[in-house]
């Protein structure tokens, strides 16, 4: 079954959570590094809140990943699809 763009955008929140957990960072630590609140980052990870491009950049920087990953996932889906 083909995934919709909304499904793929949800992958961004899951990726952020996965990267944070792999880095053994608490949500509080990543939120502080990205300059956002803990509740807001939690909402992003759970796909409850919209993610402005500026905040996405802050989170990408704090995770040490390139912004292209997010766009590739949102438009094309993960590489293993």
PDB file of N, CA and C in Angstrom:
ATOM      1  N   UNK A   1       0.845  -1.180   0.000  1.00  0.00           N
ATOM      2  CA  UNK A   1       0.000   0.000   0.000  1.00  0.00           C
ATOM      3  C   UNK A   1       0.893   1.247   0.000  1.00  0.00           C
ATOM      4  N   UNK A   2       0.603   2.179  -0.873  1.00  0.00           N
ATOM      5  CA  UNK A   2       1.402   3.408  -0.990  1.00  0.00           C
ATOM      6  C   UNK A   2       1.173   4.295   0.226  1.00  0.00           C
ATOM      7  N   UNK A   3       2.258   4.888   0.691  1.00  0.00           N
ATOM      8  CA  UNK A   3       2.181   5.795   1.832  1.00  0.00           C
ATOM      9  C   UNK A   3       1.859   7.197   1.342  1.00  0.00           C
ATOM     10  N   UNK A   4       1.022   7.885   2.088  1.00  0.00           N
ATOM     11  CA  UNK A   4       0.633   9.247   1.738  1.00  0.00           C
ATOM     12  C   UNK A   4       1.691  10.229   2.234  1.00  0.00           C
ATOM     13  N   UNK A   5       1.700  11.452   1.713  1.00  0.00           N
ATOM     14  CA  UNK A   5       2.622  12.465   2.247  1.00  0.00           C
ATOM     15  C   UNK A   5       2.441  12.678   3.745  1.00  0.00           C
ATOM     16  N   UNK A   6       1.204  12.595   4.244  1.00  0.00           N
ATOM     17  CA  UNK A   6       0.979  12.754   5.691  1.00  0.00           C
ATOM     18  C   UNK A   6       1.651  11.634   6.469  1.00  0.00           C
ATOM     19  N   UNK A   7       1.595  10.409   5.944  1.00  0.00           N
ATOM     20  CA  UNK A   7       2.296   9.289   6.588  1.00  0.00           C
ATOM     21  C   UNK A   7       3.792   9.555   6.628  1.00  0.00           C
ATOM     22  N   UNK A   8       4.315  10.070   5.546  1.00  0.00           N
ATOM     23  CA  UNK A   8       5.759  10.317   5.466  1.00  0.00           C
ATOM     24  C   UNK A   8       6.186  11.444   6.384  1.00  0.00           C
ATOM     25  N   UNK A   9       5.340  12.466   6.520  1.00  0.00           N
ATOM     26  CA  UNK A   9       5.664  13.550   7.442  1.00  0.00           C
ATOM     27  C   UNK A   9       5.702  13.039   8.874  1.00  0.00           C
ATOM     28  N   UNK A  10       4.858  12.079   9.197  1.00  0.00           N
ATOM     29  CA  UNK A  10       4.890  11.473  10.525  1.00  0.00           C
ATOM     30  C   UNK A  10       6.250  10.818  10.774  1.00  0.00           C
ATOM     31  N   UNK A  11       6.873  10.309   9.715  1.00  0.00           N
ATOM     32  CA  UNK A  11       8.195   9.695   9.835  1.00  0.00           C
ATOM     33  C   UNK A  11       9.218  10.674  10.398  1.00  0.00           C
ATOM     34  N   UNK A  12       9.050  11.959  10.145  1.00  0.00           N
ATOM     35  CA  UNK A  12      10.001  12.961  10.639  1.00  0.00           C
ATOM     36  C   UNK A  12      10.013  12.955  12.158  1.00  0.00           C
ATOM     37  N   UNK A  13       8.845  12.982  12.785  1.00  0.00           N
ATOM     38  CA  UNK A  13       8.768  12.936  14.240  1.00  0.00           C
ATOM     39  C   UNK A  13       9.360  11.650  14.790  1.00  0.00           C
ATOM     40  N   UNK A  14       9.066  10.540  14.135  1.00  0.00           N
ATOM     41  CA  UNK A  14       9.613   9.254  14.559  1.00  0.00           C
ATOM     42  C   UNK A  14      11.133   9.245  14.411  1.00  0.00           C
ATOM     43  N   UNK A  15      11.637   9.832  13.325  1.00  0.00           N
ATOM     44  CA  UNK A  15      13.081   9.885  13.104  1.00  0.00           C
ATOM     45  C   UNK A  15      13.752  10.719  14.188  1.00  0.00           C
ATOM     46  N   UNK A  16      13.156  11.845  14.520  1.00  0.00           N
ATOM     47  CA  UNK A  16      13.720  12.699  15.560  1.00  0.00           C
ATOM     48  C   UNK A  16      13.805  11.915  16.877  1.00  0.00           C
ATOM     49  N   UNK A  17      12.719  11.251  17.240  1.00  0.00           N
ATOM     50  CA  UNK A  17      12.715  10.450  18.473  1.00  0.00           C
ATOM     51  C   UNK A  17      13.770   9.351  18.417  1.00  0.00           C
ATOM     52  N   UNK A  18      13.834   8.651  17.304  1.00  0.00           N
ATOM     53  CA  UNK A  18      14.801   7.560  17.134  1.00  0.00           C
ATOM     54  C   UNK A  18      16.241   8.084  17.248  1.00  0.00           C
ATOM     55  N   UNK A  19      16.530   9.182  16.574  1.00  0.00           N
ATOM     56  CA  UNK A  19      17.875   9.756  16.640  1.00  0.00           C
ATOM     57  C   UNK A  19      18.215  10.212  18.058  1.00  0.00           C
ATOM     58  N   UNK A  20      17.236  10.801  18.727  1.00  0.00           N
ATOM     59  CA  UNK A  20      17.452  11.257  20.101  1.00  0.00           C
ATOM     60  C   UNK A  20      17.751  10.076  21.011  1.00  0.00           C
ATOM     61  N   UNK A  21      16.972   9.017  20.869  1.00  0.00           N
ATOM     62  CA  UNK A  21      17.188   7.832  21.703  1.00  0.00           C
ATOM     63  C   UNK A  21      18.516   7.164  21.388  1.00  0.00           C
ATOM     64  N   UNK A  22      18.883   7.083  20.112  1.00  0.00           N
ATOM     65  CA  UNK A  22      20.175   6.489  19.732  1.00  0.00           C
ATOM     66  C   UNK A  22      21.341   7.278  20.302  1.00  0.00           C
ATOM     67  N   UNK A  23      21.168   8.593  20.401  1.00  0.00           N
ATOM     68  CA  UNK A  23      22.213   9.451  20.966  1.00  0.00           C
ATOM     69  C   UNK A  23      22.159   9.452  22.496  1.00  0.00           C
ATOM     70  N   UNK A  24      21.212   8.696  23.044  1.00  0.00           N
ATOM     71  CA  UNK A  24      21.014   8.613  24.501  1.00  0.00           C
ATOM     72  C   UNK A  24      20.812   9.997  25.110  1.00  0.00           C
ATOM     73  N   UNK A  25      20.009  10.798  24.400  1.00  0.00           N
ATOM     74  CA  UNK A  25      19.654  12.132  24.873  1.00  0.00           C
ATOM     75  C   UNK A  25      18.251  12.086  25.437  1.00  0.00           C
ATOM     76  N   UNK A  26      18.045  12.788  26.514  1.00  0.00           N
ATOM     77  CA  UNK A  26      16.684  12.937  27.024  1.00  0.00           C
ATOM     78  C   UNK A  26      15.956  13.944  26.147  1.00  0.00           C
ATOM     79  N   UNK A  27      14.657  13.928  26.223  1.00  0.00           N
ATOM     80  CA  UNK A  27      13.886  14.909  25.465  1.00  0.00           C
ATOM     81  C   UNK A  27      14.232  16.314  25.959  1.00  0.00           C
ATOM     82  N   UNK A  28      14.491  16.431  27.248  1.00  0.00           N
ATOM     83  CA  UNK A  28      14.861  17.725  27.832  1.00  0.00           C
ATOM     84  C   UNK A  28      16.185  18.227  27.245  1.00  0.00           C
ATOM     85  N   UNK A  29      17.170  17.326  27.128  1.00  0.00           N
ATOM     86  CA  UNK A  29      18.477  17.728  26.585  1.00  0.00           C
ATOM     87  C   UNK A  29      18.372  18.175  25.131  1.00  0.00           C
ATOM     88  N   UNK A  30      17.635  17.405  24.314  1.00  0.00           N
ATOM     89  CA  UNK A  30      17.495  17.785  22.904  1.00  0.00           C
ATOM     90  C   UNK A  30      16.689  19.075  22.784  1.00  0.00           C
ATOM     91  N   UNK A  31      15.648  19.209  23.559  1.00  0.00           N
ATOM     92  CA  UNK A  31      14.847  20.434  23.511  1.00  0.00           C
ATOM     93  C   UNK A  31      15.706  21.647  23.843  1.00  0.00           C
ATOM     94  N   UNK A  32      16.526  21.518  24.867  1.00  0.00           N
ATOM     95  CA  UNK A  32      17.411  22.626  25.255  1.00  0.00           C
ATOM     96  C   UNK A  32      18.396  22.937  24.121  1.00  0.00           C
ATOM     97  N   UNK A  33      19.002  21.906  23.557  1.00  0.00           N
ATOM     98  CA  UNK A  33      19.980  22.105  22.474  1.00  0.00           C
ATOM     99  C   UNK A  33      19.339  22.714  21.235  1.00  0.00           C
ATOM    100  N   UNK A  34      18.075  22.372  20.983  1.00  0.00           N
ATOM    101  CA  UNK A  34      17.368  22.877  19.801  1.00  0.00           C
ATOM    102  C   UNK A  34      16.674  24.210  20.071  1.00  0.00           C
ATOM    103  N   UNK A  35      16.620  24.628  21.324  1.00  0.00           N
ATOM    104  CA  UNK A  35      15.984  25.901  21.650  1.00  0.00           C
ATOM    105  C   UNK A  35      14.470  25.859  21.622  1.00  0.00           C
ATOM    106  N   UNK A  36      13.898  24.686  21.941  1.00  0.00           N
ATOM    107  CA  UNK A  36      12.447  24.551  22.007  1.00  0.00           C
ATOM    108  C   UNK A  36      12.075  23.985  23.378  1.00  0.00           C
ATOM    109  N   UNK A  37      10.797  24.031  23.718  1.00  0.00           N
ATOM    110  CA  UNK A  37      10.358  23.507  25.014  1.00  0.00           C
ATOM    111  C   UNK A  37      10.213  21.982  24.953  1.00  0.00           C
ATOM    112  N   UNK A  38      10.306  21.360  26.117  1.00  0.00           N
ATOM    113  CA  UNK A  38      10.116  19.904  26.203  1.00  0.00           C
ATOM    114  C   UNK A  38       8.754  19.481  25.657  1.00  0.00           C
ATOM    115  N   UNK A  39       7.647  20.136  26.090  1.00  0.00           N
ATOM    116  CA  UNK A  39       6.332  19.721  25.589  1.00  0.00           C
ATOM    117  C   UNK A  39       6.209  19.876  24.067  1.00  0.00           C
ATOM    118  N   UNK A  40       6.795  20.940  23.528  1.00  0.00           N
ATOM    119  CA  UNK A  40       6.717  21.156  22.080  1.00  0.00           C
ATOM    120  C   UNK A  40       7.471  20.062  21.333  1.00  0.00           C
ATOM    121  N   UNK A  41       8.674  19.714  21.797  1.00  0.00           N
ATOM    122  CA  UNK A  41       9.433  18.639  21.148  1.00  0.00           C
ATOM    123  C   UNK A  41       8.675  17.314  21.250  1.00  0.00           C
ATOM    124  N   UNK A  42       8.058  17.061  22.374  1.00  0.00           N
ATOM    125  CA  UNK A  42       7.254  15.848  22.535  1.00  0.00           C
ATOM    126  C   UNK A  42       6.114  15.815  21.525  1.00  0.00           C
ATOM    127  N   UNK A  43       5.461  16.954  21.325  1.00  0.00           N
ATOM    128  CA  UNK A  43       4.379  17.025  20.341  1.00  0.00           C
ATOM    129  C   UNK A  43       4.894  16.772  18.934  1.00  0.00           C
ATOM    130  N   UNK A  44       6.076  17.271  18.620  1.00  0.00           N
ATOM    131  CA  UNK A  44       6.669  17.048  17.303  1.00  0.00           C
ATOM    132  C   UNK A  44       6.959  15.561  17.116  1.00  0.00           C
ATOM    133  N   UNK A  45       7.560  14.945  18.117  1.00  0.00           N
ATOM    134  CA  UNK A  45       7.882  13.514  18.021  1.00  0.00           C
ATOM    135  C   UNK A  45       6.631  12.660  17.859  1.00  0.00           C
ATOM    136  N   UNK A  46       5.520  13.099  18.445  1.00  0.00           N
ATOM    137  CA  UNK A  46       4.266  12.349  18.357  1.00  0.00           C
ATOM    138  C   UNK A  46       3.389  12.800  17.190  1.00  0.00           C
ATOM    139  N   UNK A  47       3.889  13.734  16.381  1.00  0.00           N
ATOM    140  CA  UNK A  47       3.151  14.237  15.214  1.00  0.00           C
ATOM    141  C   UNK A  47       1.851  14.926  15.613  1.00  0.00           C
ATOM    142  N   UNK A  48       1.889  15.642  16.743  1.00  0.00           N
ATOM    143  CA  UNK A  48       0.715  16.360  17.231  1.00  0.00           C
ATOM    144  C   UNK A  48       0.802  17.835  16.862  1.00  0.00           C
ATOM    145  N   UNK A  49       1.999  18.331  16.640  1.00  0.00           N
ATOM    146  CA  UNK A  49       2.209  19.752  16.383  1.00  0.00           C
ATOM    147  C   UNK A  49       2.898  19.945  15.041  1.00  0.00           C
ATOM    148  N   UNK A  50       2.587  21.048  14.393  1.00  0.00           N
ATOM    149  CA  UNK A  50       3.267  21.397  13.141  1.00  0.00           C
ATOM    150  C   UNK A  50       4.722  21.729  13.415  1.00  0.00           C
ATOM    151  N   UNK A  51       5.531  21.562  12.400  1.00  0.00           N
ATOM    152  CA  UNK A  51       6.968  21.757  12.548  1.00  0.00           C
ATOM    153  C   UNK A  51       7.447  22.807  11.555  1.00  0.00           C
ATOM    154  N   UNK A  52       7.591  24.058  11.995  1.00  0.00           N
ATOM    155  CA  UNK A  52       8.098  25.104  11.099  1.00  0.00           C
ATOM    156  C   UNK A  52       9.532  24.800  10.657  1.00  0.00           C
ATOM    157  N   UNK A  53       9.897  25.262   9.501  1.00  0.00           N
ATOM    158  CA  UNK A  53      11.217  24.980   8.926  1.00  0.00           C
ATOM    159  C   UNK A  53      12.349  25.437   9.847  1.00  0.00           C
ATOM    160  N   UNK A  54      12.188  26.584  10.500  1.00  0.00           N
ATOM    161  CA  UNK A  54      13.235  27.073  11.390  1.00  0.00           C
ATOM    162  C   UNK A  54      13.464  26.146  12.569  1.00  0.00           C
ATOM    163  N   UNK A  55      12.374  25.606  13.116  1.00  0.00           N
ATOM    164  CA  UNK A  55      12.487  24.668  14.236  1.00  0.00           C
ATOM    165  C   UNK A  55      13.089  23.352  13.742  1.00  0.00           C
ATOM    166  N   UNK A  56      12.696  22.916  12.551  1.00  0.00           N
ATOM    167  CA  UNK A  56      13.271  21.705  11.976  1.00  0.00           C
ATOM    168  C   UNK A  56      14.782  21.853  11.839  1.00  0.00           C
ATOM    169  N   UNK A  57      15.237  23.015  11.403  1.00  0.00           N
ATOM    170  CA  UNK A  57      16.679  23.277  11.272  1.00  0.00           C
ATOM    171  C   UNK A  57      17.359  23.217  12.635  1.00  0.00           C
ATOM    172  N   UNK A  58      16.741  23.803  13.647  1.00  0.00           N
ATOM    173  CA  UNK A  58      17.317  23.781  14.992  1.00  0.00           C
ATOM    174  C   UNK A  58      17.442  22.347  15.503  1.00  0.00           C
ATOM    175  N   UNK A  59      16.417  21.534  15.269  1.00  0.00           N
ATOM    176  CA  UNK A  59      16.441  20.137  15.722  1.00  0.00           C
ATOM    177  C   UNK A  59      17.473  19.346  14.938  1.00  0.00           C
ATOM    178  N   UNK A  60      17.535  19.558  13.627  1.00  0.00           N
ATOM    179  CA  UNK A  60      18.539  18.863  12.808  1.00  0.00           C
ATOM    180  C   UNK A  60      19.944  19.195  13.298  1.00  0.00           C
ATOM    181  N   UNK A  61      20.201  20.459  13.555  1.00  0.00           N
ATOM    182  CA  UNK A  61      21.516  20.865  14.063  1.00  0.00           C
ATOM    183  C   UNK A  61      21.821  20.202  15.402  1.00  0.00           C
ATOM    184  N   UNK A  62      20.826  20.186  16.286  1.00  0.00           N
ATOM    185  CA  UNK A  62      21.027  19.601  17.612  1.00  0.00           C
ATOM    186  C   UNK A  62      21.253  18.095  17.548  1.00  0.00           C
ATOM    187  N   UNK A  63      20.660  17.435  16.525  1.00  0.00           N
ATOM    188  CA  UNK A  63      20.848  15.998  16.337  1.00  0.00           C
ATOM    189  C   UNK A  63      22.103  15.675  15.535  1.00  0.00           C
ATOM    190  N   UNK A  64      22.642  16.681  14.875  1.00  0.00           N
ATOM    191  CA  UNK A  64      23.818  16.447  14.040  1.00  0.00           C
ATOM    192  C   UNK A  64      23.488  15.750  12.729  1.00  0.00           C
ATOM    193  N   UNK A  65      22.283  16.007  12.206  1.00  0.00           N
ATOM    194  CA  UNK A  65      21.898  15.444  10.909  1.00  0.00           C
ATOM    195  C   UNK A  65      21.650  16.583   9.938  1.00  0.00           C
ATOM    196  N   UNK A  66      21.679  16.275   8.658  1.00  0.00           N
ATOM    197  CA  UNK A  66      21.464  17.289   7.627  1.00  0.00           C
ATOM    198  C   UNK A  66      19.977  17.429   7.345  1.00  0.00           C
ATOM    199  N   UNK A  67      19.538  18.633   7.067  1.00  0.00           N
ATOM    200  CA  UNK A  67      18.133  18.904   6.770  1.00  0.00           C
ATOM    201  C   UNK A  67      17.613  18.090   5.579  1.00  0.00           C
ATOM    202  N   UNK A  68      18.476  17.730   4.641  1.00  0.00           N
ATOM    203  CA  UNK A  68      18.031  16.981   3.462  1.00  0.00           C
ATOM    204  C   UNK A  68      17.327  15.685   3.838  1.00  0.00           C
ATOM    205  N   UNK A  69      17.732  15.077   4.940  1.00  0.00           N
ATOM    206  CA  UNK A  69      17.087  13.828   5.329  1.00  0.00           C
ATOM    207  C   UNK A  69      15.594  14.034   5.517  1.00  0.00           C
ATOM    208  N   UNK A  70      15.213  15.115   6.181  1.00  0.00           N
ATOM    209  CA  UNK A  70      13.806  15.368   6.452  1.00  0.00           C
ATOM    210  C   UNK A  70      13.014  15.562   5.159  1.00  0.00           C
ATOM    211  N   UNK A  71      13.594  16.302   4.222  1.00  0.00           N
ATOM    212  CA  UNK A  71      12.890  16.557   2.966  1.00  0.00           C
ATOM    213  C   UNK A  71      12.799  15.299   2.119  1.00  0.00           C
ATOM    214  N   UNK A  72      13.858  14.522   2.094  1.00  0.00           N
ATOM    215  CA  UNK A  72      13.832  13.269   1.332  1.00  0.00           C
ATOM    216  C   UNK A  72      12.756  12.354   1.891  1.00  0.00           C
ATOM    217  N   UNK A  73      12.663  12.259   3.205  1.00  0.00           N
ATOM    218  CA  UNK A  73      11.670  11.406   3.842  1.00  0.00           C
ATOM    219  C   UNK A  73      10.264  11.891   3.563  1.00  0.00           C
ATOM    220  N   UNK A  74      10.040  13.191   3.690  1.00  0.00           N
ATOM    221  CA  UNK A  74       8.708  13.745   3.491  1.00  0.00           C
ATOM    222  C   UNK A  74       8.237  13.584   2.044  1.00  0.00           C
ATOM    223  N   UNK A  75       9.132  13.719   1.091  1.00  0.00           N
ATOM    224  CA  UNK A  75       8.741  13.688  -0.317  1.00  0.00           C
ATOM    225  C   UNK A  75       8.824  12.282  -0.895  1.00  0.00           C
ATOM    226  N   UNK A  76       9.909  11.563  -0.620  1.00  0.00           N
ATOM    227  CA  UNK A  76      10.147  10.265  -1.250  1.00  0.00           C
ATOM    228  C   UNK A  76       9.868   9.086  -0.344  1.00  0.00           C
ATOM    229  N   UNK A  77       9.924   9.290   0.946  1.00  0.00           N
ATOM    230  CA  UNK A  77       9.820   8.176   1.881  1.00  0.00           C
ATOM    231  C   UNK A  77      11.219   7.685   2.226  1.00  0.00           C
ATOM    232  N   UNK A  78      11.337   6.899   3.287  1.00  0.00           N
ATOM    233  CA  UNK A  78      12.652   6.383   3.664  1.00  0.00           C
ATOM    234  C   UNK A  78      13.275   5.582   2.544  1.00  0.00           C
ATOM    235  N   UNK A  79      14.586   5.512   2.529  1.00  0.00           N
ATOM    236  CA  UNK A  79      15.321   4.861   1.445  1.00  0.00           C
ATOM    237  C   UNK A  79      14.955   3.397   1.271  1.00  0.00           C
ATOM    238  N   UNK A  80      14.514   2.729   2.327  1.00  0.00           N
ATOM    239  CA  UNK A  80      14.209   1.310   2.229  1.00  0.00           C
ATOM    240  C   UNK A  80      12.822   1.006   1.690  1.00  0.00           C
ATOM    241  N   UNK A  81      12.050   2.021   1.307  1.00  0.00           N
ATOM    242  CA  UNK A  81      10.716   1.785   0.734  1.00  0.00           C
ATOM    243  C   UNK A  81      10.835   1.322  -0.688  1.00  0.00           C
TER     244      UNK A  81
END
